[in-house]
Amino acid sequence: IRASFHVRGEQFHPLIALAGMAAKLTREIWMRRFNRYFILRSLPDELKPTAGYHNDSGRFLQQIQRIIDDNDIDLSALVRIV
């Protein structure tokens, strides 16, 4: 097995590009499901979906706090602490 790292490897290796596309699609599908879970448990016009990035996390967590509390959701299941 040989491992290597390439800057902008997707420009030169189609399999790297395909893997990146598959990862992004998978993330988008899961984020849609994630948003739908919380939107269905709140007032539909009340909750703006999130893309899941750090700069939006505070707003989203604040908006879903009631849902987290009412459903005993463990915050560590939603937030990755690095």
Protein backbone atom coordinates (compact mmCIF):
# COMPACT_ATOMS: atom_id res chain seq x y z
CA ILE A 1 0.00 0.00 0.00
CA ARG A 2 1.29 3.41 -0.95
CA ALA A 3 -0.09 6.63 0.48
CA SER A 4 0.68 10.10 -0.81
CA PHE A 5 -0.61 13.62 -0.41
CA HIS A 6 -1.24 15.91 -3.37
CA VAL A 7 -2.14 19.58 -3.28
CA ARG A 8 -5.13 20.05 -5.63
CA GLY A 9 -4.94 16.33 -6.44
CA GLU A 10 -8.50 16.35 -7.80
CA GLN A 11 -7.22 18.35 -10.78
CA PHE A 12 -4.89 15.53 -11.80
CA HIS A 13 -6.52 12.34 -10.54
CA PRO A 14 -10.16 11.63 -11.43
CA LEU A 15 -10.60 9.18 -8.54
CA ILE A 16 -9.65 11.89 -6.05
CA ALA A 17 -12.20 14.21 -7.64
CA LEU A 18 -14.85 11.47 -7.56
CA ALA A 19 -14.14 10.73 -3.89
CA GLY A 20 -14.48 14.42 -3.04
CA MET A 21 -17.77 14.66 -4.91
CA ALA A 22 -19.11 11.57 -3.15
CA ALA A 23 -18.10 12.95 0.26
CA LYS A 24 -19.76 16.31 -0.43
CA LEU A 25 -22.96 14.68 -1.68
CA THR A 26 -23.09 12.41 1.37
CA ARG A 27 -22.63 15.40 3.67
CA GLU A 28 -25.37 17.35 1.90
CA ILE A 29 -27.81 14.43 2.18
CA TRP A 30 -27.13 14.04 5.92
CA MET A 31 -27.41 17.78 6.55
CA ARG A 32 -30.83 17.81 4.84
CA ARG A 33 -31.96 14.97 7.11
CA PHE A 34 -30.48 16.73 10.14
CA ASN A 35 -32.30 19.98 9.32
CA ARG A 36 -35.56 18.15 8.58
CA TYR A 37 -35.41 16.40 11.98
CA PHE A 38 -35.32 19.73 13.81
CA ILE A 39 -37.65 21.61 11.48
CA LEU A 40 -40.34 18.96 11.97
CA ARG A 41 -40.04 19.42 15.73
CA SER A 42 -40.32 23.20 15.63
CA LEU A 43 -42.54 25.70 13.92
CA PRO A 44 -41.58 25.42 10.23
CA ASP A 45 -41.13 29.17 9.77
CA GLU A 46 -39.24 29.48 13.05
CA LEU A 47 -36.09 27.53 12.18
CA LYS A 48 -33.65 28.47 9.45
CA PRO A 49 -31.68 25.40 8.22
CA THR A 50 -27.95 25.19 8.82
CA ALA A 51 -25.16 24.02 6.54
CA GLY A 52 -23.40 22.70 9.63
CA TYR A 53 -20.38 24.98 9.64
CA HIS A 54 -18.93 26.58 12.76
CA ASN A 55 -19.86 30.17 11.88
CA ASP A 56 -23.57 29.23 11.95
CA SER A 57 -23.53 26.80 14.87
CA GLY A 58 -24.29 29.29 17.64
CA ARG A 59 -27.44 30.58 15.97
CA PHE A 60 -28.70 27.10 15.13
CA LEU A 61 -27.99 25.64 18.58
CA GLN A 62 -29.77 28.57 20.18
CA GLN A 63 -32.82 28.05 17.95
CA ILE A 64 -33.03 24.31 18.71
CA GLN A 65 -32.30 24.53 22.46
CA ARG A 66 -35.94 23.84 23.37
CA ILE A 67 -35.97 20.75 21.15
CA ILE A 68 -32.69 19.53 22.68
CA ASP A 69 -34.11 19.97 26.19
CA ASP A 70 -37.55 18.49 25.44
CA ASN A 71 -36.07 15.39 23.80
CA ASP A 72 -33.09 14.86 26.15
CA ILE A 73 -30.65 15.06 23.22
CA ASP A 74 -27.02 14.77 24.25
CA LEU A 75 -25.29 17.92 22.94
CA SER A 76 -22.10 15.94 22.26
CA ALA A 77 -24.07 14.04 19.60
CA LEU A 78 -24.55 17.34 17.74
CA VAL A 79 -21.34 19.25 18.38
CA ARG A 80 -17.85 18.07 17.58
CA ILE A 81 -15.33 19.50 20.00
CA VAL A 82 -11.82 19.54 18.54
